[in-house]
Amino acid sequence: MNAPLLERYADRIAGVLTCYDRIVITGTLPGACHAAGMTSFLNAHRIRIFDYPRFAEPLRDRIRANAEKLATSAGTKIEYIAKAHVRKESIVAAVIQERGDHPGLVHVISTMEACSSYRSWHDKRTHETFLRPTPGKCLHYYFYFIDPKLGLVYLRVPT
């Protein structure tokens, strides 16, 4: 795991740009990242489709509690940003200027953003009950931290 990033993922990299300023790595939870997958998960665990909101609520609360715990242990607070035009990078740069650029959690930002969501649905024609995708807004946390090898990194966690 200590090999440089380009060496570790050489078989997956098609080309290299020099002087790049950021790398974006995305990921999902394969079984839960789409409505049909979440429907299958709920059915496999014998959770009623219309109980989906009650199923998801404690998970959301755990994410929020852990975000608070991480921020507190790093000596920072979660900063809520209500306006879309505010640049998160500017806020984090100011925090780094004050705290220094040593490794560790720098700042946590929360904001409401568009997200994929699910809505319980019962099809009266087929008598099937399932989740349907629906657009929504949910709270997102941005955990900004400084990694000794990668520098400033952030992790975006939707709730």
N, C-alpha and C. Protein backbone atom coordinates (compact mmCIF):
# COMPACT_ATOMS: atom_id res chain seq x y z
N MET A 1 0.81 -1.20 0.00
CA MET A 1 0.00 0.00 0.00
C MET A 1 0.85 1.26 0.00
N ASN A 2 2.16 1.13 0.22
CA ASN A 2 3.02 2.30 0.25
C ASN A 2 3.54 2.69 -1.13
N ALA A 3 3.22 1.90 -2.15
CA ALA A 3 3.67 2.24 -3.50
C ALA A 3 2.95 3.51 -3.96
N PRO A 4 3.61 4.32 -4.78
CA PRO A 4 2.95 5.53 -5.28
C PRO A 4 1.65 5.19 -6.02
N LEU A 5 0.74 6.12 -6.00
CA LEU A 5 -0.59 5.95 -6.57
C LEU A 5 -0.54 5.45 -8.02
N LEU A 6 0.31 6.05 -8.83
CA LEU A 6 0.38 5.65 -10.23
C LEU A 6 0.87 4.22 -10.41
N GLU A 7 1.77 3.78 -9.54
CA GLU A 7 2.25 2.40 -9.62
C GLU A 7 1.18 1.42 -9.16
N ARG A 8 0.48 1.76 -8.08
CA ARG A 8 -0.55 0.86 -7.54
C ARG A 8 -1.68 0.62 -8.54
N TYR A 9 -2.05 1.63 -9.31
CA TYR A 9 -3.19 1.52 -10.21
C TYR A 9 -2.79 1.60 -11.68
N ALA A 10 -1.56 1.23 -12.00
CA ALA A 10 -1.04 1.34 -13.37
C ALA A 10 -1.91 0.59 -14.37
N ASP A 11 -2.45 -0.57 -13.98
CA ASP A 11 -3.27 -1.36 -14.90
C ASP A 11 -4.62 -0.71 -15.19
N ARG A 12 -5.02 0.28 -14.40
CA ARG A 12 -6.32 0.94 -14.58
C ARG A 12 -6.19 2.37 -15.11
N ILE A 13 -5.00 2.84 -15.28
CA ILE A 13 -4.79 4.22 -15.69
C ILE A 13 -4.46 4.27 -17.17
N ALA A 14 -5.27 5.04 -17.91
CA ALA A 14 -5.08 5.13 -19.37
C ALA A 14 -4.07 6.20 -19.76
N GLY A 15 -3.89 7.19 -18.93
CA GLY A 15 -2.97 8.27 -19.24
C GLY A 15 -2.72 9.11 -18.01
N VAL A 16 -1.74 9.97 -18.10
CA VAL A 16 -1.38 10.81 -16.97
C VAL A 16 -1.25 12.25 -17.43
N LEU A 17 -1.90 13.15 -16.69
CA LEU A 17 -1.74 14.58 -16.93
C LEU A 17 -0.72 15.09 -15.93
N THR A 18 0.23 15.83 -16.40
CA THR A 18 1.16 16.41 -15.45
C THR A 18 0.57 17.70 -14.92
N CYS A 19 0.98 18.06 -13.75
CA CYS A 19 0.51 19.27 -13.08
C CYS A 19 -0.98 19.20 -12.73
N TYR A 20 -1.52 18.02 -12.52
CA TYR A 20 -2.92 17.96 -12.12
C TYR A 20 -3.05 18.49 -10.70
N ASP A 21 -4.20 19.09 -10.40
CA ASP A 21 -4.38 19.67 -9.06
C ASP A 21 -5.35 18.88 -8.21
N ARG A 22 -6.02 17.91 -8.80
CA ARG A 22 -6.91 17.09 -8.00
C ARG A 22 -7.21 15.77 -8.69
N ILE A 23 -7.55 14.80 -7.87
CA ILE A 23 -7.95 13.49 -8.34
C ILE A 23 -9.32 13.24 -7.70
N VAL A 24 -10.27 12.80 -8.50
CA VAL A 24 -11.60 12.51 -7.97
C VAL A 24 -11.80 11.00 -8.03
N ILE A 25 -12.06 10.42 -6.88
CA ILE A 25 -12.34 9.00 -6.79
C ILE A 25 -13.76 8.87 -6.26
N THR A 26 -14.60 8.15 -6.97
CA THR A 26 -15.98 8.00 -6.54
C THR A 26 -16.27 6.54 -6.26
N GLY A 27 -17.27 6.33 -5.46
CA GLY A 27 -17.68 4.97 -5.14
C GLY A 27 -19.10 4.95 -4.64
N THR A 28 -19.70 3.79 -4.66
CA THR A 28 -21.07 3.63 -4.17
C THR A 28 -21.17 2.31 -3.40
N LEU A 29 -22.28 2.12 -2.78
CA LEU A 29 -22.59 0.83 -2.18
C LEU A 29 -23.35 0.05 -3.26
N PRO A 30 -22.71 -0.94 -3.88
CA PRO A 30 -23.29 -1.58 -5.07
C PRO A 30 -24.73 -2.05 -4.93
N GLY A 31 -25.09 -2.67 -3.84
CA GLY A 31 -26.45 -3.19 -3.71
C GLY A 31 -27.48 -2.13 -3.39
N ALA A 32 -27.05 -0.99 -2.88
CA ALA A 32 -28.01 0.01 -2.41
C ALA A 32 -28.02 1.28 -3.23
N CYS A 33 -27.25 1.34 -4.30
CA CYS A 33 -27.12 2.59 -5.04
C CYS A 33 -28.20 2.78 -6.10
N HIS A 34 -29.13 1.86 -6.18
CA HIS A 34 -30.24 2.01 -7.11
C HIS A 34 -31.50 1.41 -6.48
N ALA A 35 -32.65 1.86 -6.93
CA ALA A 35 -33.92 1.50 -6.30
C ALA A 35 -34.16 -0.02 -6.30
N ALA A 36 -33.87 -0.67 -7.41
CA ALA A 36 -34.10 -2.12 -7.48
C ALA A 36 -33.19 -2.87 -6.51
N GLY A 37 -31.96 -2.41 -6.38
CA GLY A 37 -31.04 -3.05 -5.44
C GLY A 37 -31.48 -2.88 -4.00
N MET A 38 -31.95 -1.68 -3.65
CA MET A 38 -32.43 -1.44 -2.28
C MET A 38 -33.72 -2.21 -2.03
N THR A 39 -34.57 -2.32 -3.04
CA THR A 39 -35.79 -3.13 -2.90
C THR A 39 -35.42 -4.57 -2.60
N SER A 40 -34.45 -5.10 -3.33
CA SER A 40 -33.99 -6.48 -3.09
C SER A 40 -33.43 -6.65 -1.69
N PHE A 41 -32.64 -5.66 -1.25
CA PHE A 41 -32.06 -5.71 0.09
C PHE A 41 -33.17 -5.75 1.15
N LEU A 42 -34.14 -4.87 1.03
CA LEU A 42 -35.24 -4.83 2.00
C LEU A 42 -36.01 -6.14 2.00
N ASN A 43 -36.31 -6.66 0.82
CA ASN A 43 -37.03 -7.93 0.73
C ASN A 43 -36.22 -9.06 1.36
N ALA A 44 -34.93 -9.11 1.09
CA ALA A 44 -34.08 -10.19 1.63
C ALA A 44 -34.01 -10.14 3.15
N HIS A 45 -34.15 -8.93 3.72
CA HIS A 45 -34.09 -8.78 5.17
C HIS A 45 -35.48 -8.66 5.80
N ARG A 46 -36.48 -9.00 5.02
CA ARG A 46 -37.88 -9.01 5.49
C ARG A 46 -38.31 -7.67 6.09
N ILE A 47 -37.92 -6.60 5.41
CA ILE A 47 -38.31 -5.25 5.83
C ILE A 47 -39.34 -4.77 4.82
N ARG A 48 -40.49 -4.35 5.31
CA ARG A 48 -41.55 -3.87 4.42
C ARG A 48 -41.07 -2.66 3.63
N ILE A 49 -41.43 -2.62 2.37
CA ILE A 49 -41.01 -1.51 1.50
C ILE A 49 -41.49 -0.17 2.06
N PHE A 50 -42.71 -0.12 2.58
CA PHE A 50 -43.23 1.13 3.12
C PHE A 50 -42.59 1.50 4.46
N ASP A 51 -41.77 0.60 5.02
CA ASP A 51 -41.01 0.91 6.24
C ASP A 51 -39.61 1.43 5.91
N TYR A 52 -39.32 1.65 4.64
CA TYR A 52 -38.00 2.13 4.24
C TYR A 52 -37.57 3.39 5.00
N PRO A 53 -38.43 4.42 5.12
CA PRO A 53 -37.99 5.61 5.87
C PRO A 53 -37.57 5.30 7.31
N ARG A 54 -38.32 4.41 7.97
CA ARG A 54 -37.95 4.04 9.35
C ARG A 54 -36.66 3.23 9.38
N PHE A 55 -36.42 2.44 8.34
CA PHE A 55 -35.19 1.67 8.24
C PHE A 55 -33.99 2.60 8.06
N ALA A 56 -34.14 3.62 7.20
CA ALA A 56 -33.03 4.50 6.86
C ALA A 56 -32.73 5.53 7.95
N GLU A 57 -33.71 5.90 8.74
CA GLU A 57 -33.54 6.96 9.74
C GLU A 57 -32.42 6.68 10.75
N PRO A 58 -32.34 5.50 11.36
CA PRO A 58 -31.24 5.26 12.30
C PRO A 58 -29.86 5.29 11.62
N LEU A 59 -29.80 4.89 10.36
CA LEU A 59 -28.52 4.94 9.65
C LEU A 59 -28.10 6.39 9.45
N ARG A 60 -29.05 7.24 9.07
CA ARG A 60 -28.77 8.67 8.92
C ARG A 60 -28.30 9.26 10.25
N ASP A 61 -28.99 8.88 11.33
CA ASP A 61 -28.63 9.40 12.65
C ASP A 61 -27.23 8.95 13.07
N ARG A 62 -26.84 7.72 12.71
CA ARG A 62 -25.49 7.25 13.03
C ARG A 62 -24.43 8.03 12.27
N ILE A 63 -24.71 8.34 11.01
CA ILE A 63 -23.77 9.14 10.22
C ILE A 63 -23.60 10.50 10.88
N ARG A 64 -24.70 11.13 11.27
CA ARG A 64 -24.64 12.44 11.91
C ARG A 64 -23.88 12.39 13.24
N ALA A 65 -24.15 11.37 14.04
CA ALA A 65 -23.47 11.23 15.33
C ALA A 65 -21.96 11.03 15.14
N ASN A 66 -21.60 10.21 14.16
CA ASN A 66 -20.17 9.97 13.90
C ASN A 66 -19.49 11.22 13.36
N ALA A 67 -20.19 11.99 12.55
CA ALA A 67 -19.63 13.25 12.05
C ALA A 67 -19.34 14.20 13.22
N GLU A 68 -20.28 14.30 14.14
CA GLU A 68 -20.09 15.13 15.34
C GLU A 68 -18.91 14.65 16.16
N LYS A 69 -18.84 13.34 16.35
CA LYS A 69 -17.76 12.74 17.14
C LYS A 69 -16.39 13.00 16.51
N LEU A 70 -16.29 12.83 15.20
CA LEU A 70 -15.02 13.08 14.51
C LEU A 70 -14.62 14.55 14.60
N ALA A 71 -15.58 15.43 14.40
CA ALA A 71 -15.27 16.86 14.47
C ALA A 71 -14.82 17.25 15.87
N THR A 72 -15.53 16.78 16.87
CA THR A 72 -15.19 17.10 18.26
C THR A 72 -13.80 16.58 18.62
N SER A 73 -13.51 15.33 18.23
CA SER A 73 -12.20 14.75 18.58
C SER A 73 -11.06 15.47 17.86
N ALA A 74 -11.34 16.11 16.73
CA ALA A 74 -10.31 16.86 16.01
C ALA A 74 -10.25 18.32 16.45
N GLY A 75 -11.14 18.69 17.37
CA GLY A 75 -11.14 20.06 17.87
C GLY A 75 -11.75 21.06 16.91
N THR A 76 -12.66 20.60 16.08
CA THR A 76 -13.34 21.49 15.15
C THR A 76 -14.85 21.30 15.28
N LYS A 77 -15.59 22.14 14.61
CA LYS A 77 -17.05 22.03 14.61
C LYS A 77 -17.51 21.78 13.19
N ILE A 78 -18.72 21.26 13.07
CA ILE A 78 -19.31 21.10 11.75
C ILE A 78 -19.89 22.45 11.35
N GLU A 79 -19.48 22.94 10.19
CA GLU A 79 -19.96 24.23 9.72
C GLU A 79 -21.01 24.01 8.63
N TYR A 80 -22.22 24.47 8.89
CA TYR A 80 -23.30 24.33 7.92
C TYR A 80 -23.24 25.51 6.94
N ILE A 81 -23.28 25.21 5.66
CA ILE A 81 -23.29 26.24 4.62
C ILE A 81 -24.63 26.16 3.90
N ALA A 82 -25.40 27.23 3.99
CA ALA A 82 -26.74 27.24 3.41
C ALA A 82 -26.77 27.77 1.98
N LYS A 83 -25.73 28.46 1.57
CA LYS A 83 -25.74 29.10 0.25
C LYS A 83 -24.86 28.35 -0.74
N ALA A 84 -25.40 28.12 -1.93
CA ALA A 84 -24.69 27.34 -2.95
C ALA A 84 -23.49 28.08 -3.52
N HIS A 85 -23.49 29.39 -3.50
CA HIS A 85 -22.39 30.14 -4.13
C HIS A 85 -21.13 30.22 -3.25
N VAL A 86 -21.21 29.76 -2.02
CA VAL A 86 -20.05 29.80 -1.12
C VAL A 86 -19.09 28.68 -1.52
N ARG A 87 -17.82 29.02 -1.72
CA ARG A 87 -16.82 28.02 -2.09
C ARG A 87 -16.27 27.33 -0.85
N LYS A 88 -16.48 26.03 -0.78
CA LYS A 88 -15.99 25.26 0.36
C LYS A 88 -14.47 25.33 0.48
N GLU A 89 -13.79 25.33 -0.67
CA GLU A 89 -12.32 25.36 -0.68
C GLU A 89 -11.79 26.63 -0.02
N SER A 90 -12.51 27.75 -0.18
CA SER A 90 -12.08 29.01 0.44
C SER A 90 -12.19 28.93 1.96
N ILE A 91 -13.25 28.32 2.43
CA ILE A 91 -13.45 28.16 3.87
C ILE A 91 -12.35 27.28 4.44
N VAL A 92 -12.07 26.16 3.76
CA VAL A 92 -11.05 25.23 4.24
C VAL A 92 -9.66 25.88 4.19
N ALA A 93 -9.39 26.66 3.16
CA ALA A 93 -8.09 27.35 3.07
C ALA A 93 -7.88 28.28 4.26
N ALA A 94 -8.94 28.97 4.67
CA ALA A 94 -8.84 29.86 5.83
C ALA A 94 -8.59 29.06 7.11
N VAL A 95 -9.22 27.91 7.23
CA VAL A 95 -9.01 27.06 8.41
C VAL A 95 -7.57 26.55 8.44
N ILE A 96 -7.05 26.14 7.28
CA ILE A 96 -5.67 25.64 7.20
C ILE A 96 -4.69 26.76 7.56
N GLN A 97 -4.97 27.96 7.11
CA GLN A 97 -4.11 29.10 7.42
C GLN A 97 -4.01 29.29 8.93
N GLU A 98 -5.12 29.08 9.62
CA GLU A 98 -5.15 29.27 11.07
C GLU A 98 -4.57 28.08 11.82
N ARG A 99 -4.89 26.84 11.40
CA ARG A 99 -4.49 25.63 12.13
C ARG A 99 -3.14 25.11 11.72
N GLY A 100 -2.71 25.44 10.50
CA GLY A 100 -1.49 24.87 9.96
C GLY A 100 -1.81 23.73 9.02
N ASP A 101 -0.79 23.25 8.29
CA ASP A 101 -1.04 22.22 7.29
C ASP A 101 -0.56 20.83 7.73
N HIS A 102 -0.62 20.56 9.02
CA HIS A 102 -0.23 19.24 9.51
C HIS A 102 -1.34 18.21 9.20
N PRO A 103 -0.97 16.94 9.09
CA PRO A 103 -1.95 15.90 8.76
C PRO A 103 -3.07 15.80 9.80
N GLY A 104 -4.21 15.34 9.34
CA GLY A 104 -5.36 15.13 10.20
C GLY A 104 -6.61 15.81 9.66
N LEU A 105 -7.69 15.65 10.39
CA LEU A 105 -8.95 16.27 10.00
C LEU A 105 -8.83 17.78 10.12
N VAL A 106 -9.15 18.47 9.05
CA VAL A 106 -9.04 19.93 9.00
C VAL A 106 -10.36 20.58 9.36
N HIS A 107 -11.43 20.15 8.70
CA HIS A 107 -12.71 20.82 8.87
C HIS A 107 -13.82 19.91 8.36
N VAL A 108 -15.02 20.10 8.89
CA VAL A 108 -16.19 19.36 8.41
C VAL A 108 -17.23 20.40 8.01
N ILE A 109 -17.72 20.25 6.80
CA ILE A 109 -18.75 21.14 6.27
C ILE A 109 -19.98 20.32 5.99
N SER A 110 -21.15 20.85 6.33
CA SER A 110 -22.40 20.20 5.96
C SER A 110 -23.21 21.15 5.09
N THR A 111 -23.96 20.57 4.18
CA THR A 111 -24.77 21.37 3.26
C THR A 111 -25.89 20.51 2.68
N MET A 112 -26.98 21.14 2.33
CA MET A 112 -28.08 20.43 1.67
C MET A 112 -27.79 20.44 0.17
N GLU A 113 -27.83 19.26 -0.42
CA GLU A 113 -27.57 19.12 -1.85
C GLU A 113 -28.52 18.11 -2.46
N ALA A 114 -28.64 18.15 -3.76
CA ALA A 114 -29.46 17.18 -4.47
C ALA A 114 -28.90 15.78 -4.25
N CYS A 115 -29.78 14.83 -4.13
CA CYS A 115 -29.34 13.45 -3.98
C CYS A 115 -30.42 12.52 -4.52
N SER A 116 -30.02 11.33 -4.83
CA SER A 116 -30.98 10.31 -5.25
C SER A 116 -31.69 9.80 -4.01
N SER A 117 -32.95 9.58 -4.14
CA SER A 117 -33.71 9.05 -3.02
C SER A 117 -34.69 8.02 -3.57
N TYR A 118 -35.39 7.37 -2.67
CA TYR A 118 -36.36 6.35 -3.06
C TYR A 118 -37.71 6.67 -2.45
N ARG A 119 -38.74 6.26 -3.15
CA ARG A 119 -40.10 6.43 -2.66
C ARG A 119 -40.79 5.08 -2.74
N SER A 120 -41.47 4.71 -1.69
CA SER A 120 -42.21 3.44 -1.69
C SER A 120 -43.36 3.54 -2.68
N TRP A 121 -43.59 2.45 -3.38
CA TRP A 121 -44.62 2.45 -4.41
C TRP A 121 -45.29 1.09 -4.49
N HIS A 122 -46.59 1.10 -4.64
CA HIS A 122 -47.33 -0.16 -4.87
C HIS A 122 -48.03 -0.03 -6.21
N ASP A 123 -47.69 -0.93 -7.13
CA ASP A 123 -48.31 -0.93 -8.46
C ASP A 123 -49.60 -1.73 -8.39
N LYS A 124 -50.72 -1.06 -8.57
CA LYS A 124 -52.03 -1.72 -8.45
C LYS A 124 -52.30 -2.69 -9.59
N ARG A 125 -51.63 -2.46 -10.74
CA ARG A 125 -51.81 -3.38 -11.86
C ARG A 125 -51.12 -4.71 -11.61
N THR A 126 -49.85 -4.65 -11.18
CA THR A 126 -49.06 -5.87 -11.02
C THR A 126 -49.07 -6.39 -9.58
N HIS A 127 -49.58 -5.58 -8.67
CA HIS A 127 -49.61 -5.90 -7.23
C HIS A 127 -48.20 -6.07 -6.64
N GLU A 128 -47.24 -5.41 -7.26
CA GLU A 128 -45.87 -5.41 -6.74
C GLU A 128 -45.63 -4.15 -5.93
N THR A 129 -44.87 -4.31 -4.86
CA THR A 129 -44.47 -3.18 -4.03
C THR A 129 -42.96 -3.06 -4.13
N PHE A 130 -42.49 -1.84 -4.40
CA PHE A 130 -41.06 -1.64 -4.61
C PHE A 130 -40.72 -0.18 -4.35
N LEU A 131 -39.43 0.11 -4.41
CA LEU A 131 -38.96 1.48 -4.29
C LEU A 131 -38.77 2.06 -5.68
N ARG A 132 -39.15 3.33 -5.82
CA ARG A 132 -38.94 4.05 -7.08
C ARG A 132 -37.94 5.17 -6.82
N PRO A 133 -37.07 5.43 -7.80
CA PRO A 133 -36.14 6.55 -7.60
C PRO A 133 -36.91 7.87 -7.65
N THR A 134 -36.48 8.80 -6.83
CA THR A 134 -37.06 10.13 -6.83
C THR A 134 -35.97 11.14 -6.49
N PRO A 135 -36.01 12.30 -7.13
CA PRO A 135 -35.01 13.31 -6.78
C PRO A 135 -35.32 13.90 -5.41
N GLY A 136 -34.31 14.31 -4.73
CA GLY A 136 -34.53 14.90 -3.41
C GLY A 136 -33.33 15.73 -3.00
N LYS A 137 -33.40 16.22 -1.78
CA LYS A 137 -32.28 16.94 -1.19
C LYS A 137 -31.98 16.26 0.13
N CYS A 138 -30.70 16.11 0.40
CA CYS A 138 -30.32 15.53 1.68
C CYS A 138 -29.05 16.22 2.18
N LEU A 139 -28.82 16.07 3.46
CA LEU A 139 -27.64 16.66 4.07
C LEU A 139 -26.41 15.88 3.65
N HIS A 140 -25.38 16.60 3.24
CA HIS A 140 -24.09 16.00 2.88
C HIS A 140 -23.04 16.54 3.83
N TYR A 141 -22.12 15.66 4.22
CA TYR A 141 -20.96 16.09 5.00
C TYR A 141 -19.74 16.04 4.09
N TYR A 142 -18.91 17.04 4.21
CA TYR A 142 -17.61 17.08 3.54
C TYR A 142 -16.55 17.06 4.62
N PHE A 143 -15.81 15.96 4.70
CA PHE A 143 -14.73 15.84 5.66
C PHE A 143 -13.43 16.19 4.94
N TYR A 144 -12.85 17.32 5.27
CA TYR A 144 -11.58 17.74 4.68
C TYR A 144 -10.46 17.33 5.62
N PHE A 145 -9.48 16.63 5.09
CA PHE A 145 -8.34 16.24 5.91
C PHE A 145 -7.07 16.30 5.09
N ILE A 146 -5.96 16.37 5.78
CA ILE A 146 -4.67 16.39 5.11
C ILE A 146 -4.01 15.03 5.32
N ASP A 147 -3.74 14.38 4.21
CA ASP A 147 -3.06 13.09 4.22
C ASP A 147 -1.58 13.36 3.98
N PRO A 148 -0.70 12.67 4.72
CA PRO A 148 0.74 12.93 4.55
C PRO A 148 1.25 12.72 3.13
N LYS A 149 0.64 11.80 2.37
CA LYS A 149 1.12 11.53 1.01
C LYS A 149 0.30 12.24 -0.06
N LEU A 150 -1.00 12.35 0.13
CA LEU A 150 -1.87 12.90 -0.91
C LEU A 150 -2.16 14.39 -0.73
N GLY A 151 -1.89 14.91 0.44
CA GLY A 151 -2.19 16.32 0.69
C GLY A 151 -3.64 16.51 1.10
N LEU A 152 -4.23 17.63 0.71
CA LEU A 152 -5.61 17.94 1.09
C LEU A 152 -6.58 17.05 0.32
N VAL A 153 -7.42 16.36 1.05
CA VAL A 153 -8.38 15.42 0.50
C VAL A 153 -9.72 15.68 1.16
N TYR A 154 -10.81 15.42 0.44
CA TYR A 154 -12.10 15.47 1.12
C TYR A 154 -12.91 14.23 0.80
N LEU A 155 -13.76 13.88 1.73
CA LEU A 155 -14.66 12.75 1.58
C LEU A 155 -16.07 13.30 1.71
N ARG A 156 -16.91 13.07 0.70
CA ARG A 156 -18.28 13.56 0.69
C ARG A 156 -19.19 12.41 1.09
N VAL A 157 -19.98 12.62 2.14
CA VAL A 157 -20.86 11.57 2.65
C VAL A 157 -22.29 12.08 2.67
N PRO A 158 -23.16 11.55 1.81
CA PRO A 158 -24.56 11.95 1.86
C PRO A 158 -25.28 11.21 2.99
N THR A 159 -26.27 11.85 3.58
CA THR A 159 -27.05 11.17 4.61
C THR A 159 -28.38 10.71 4.06
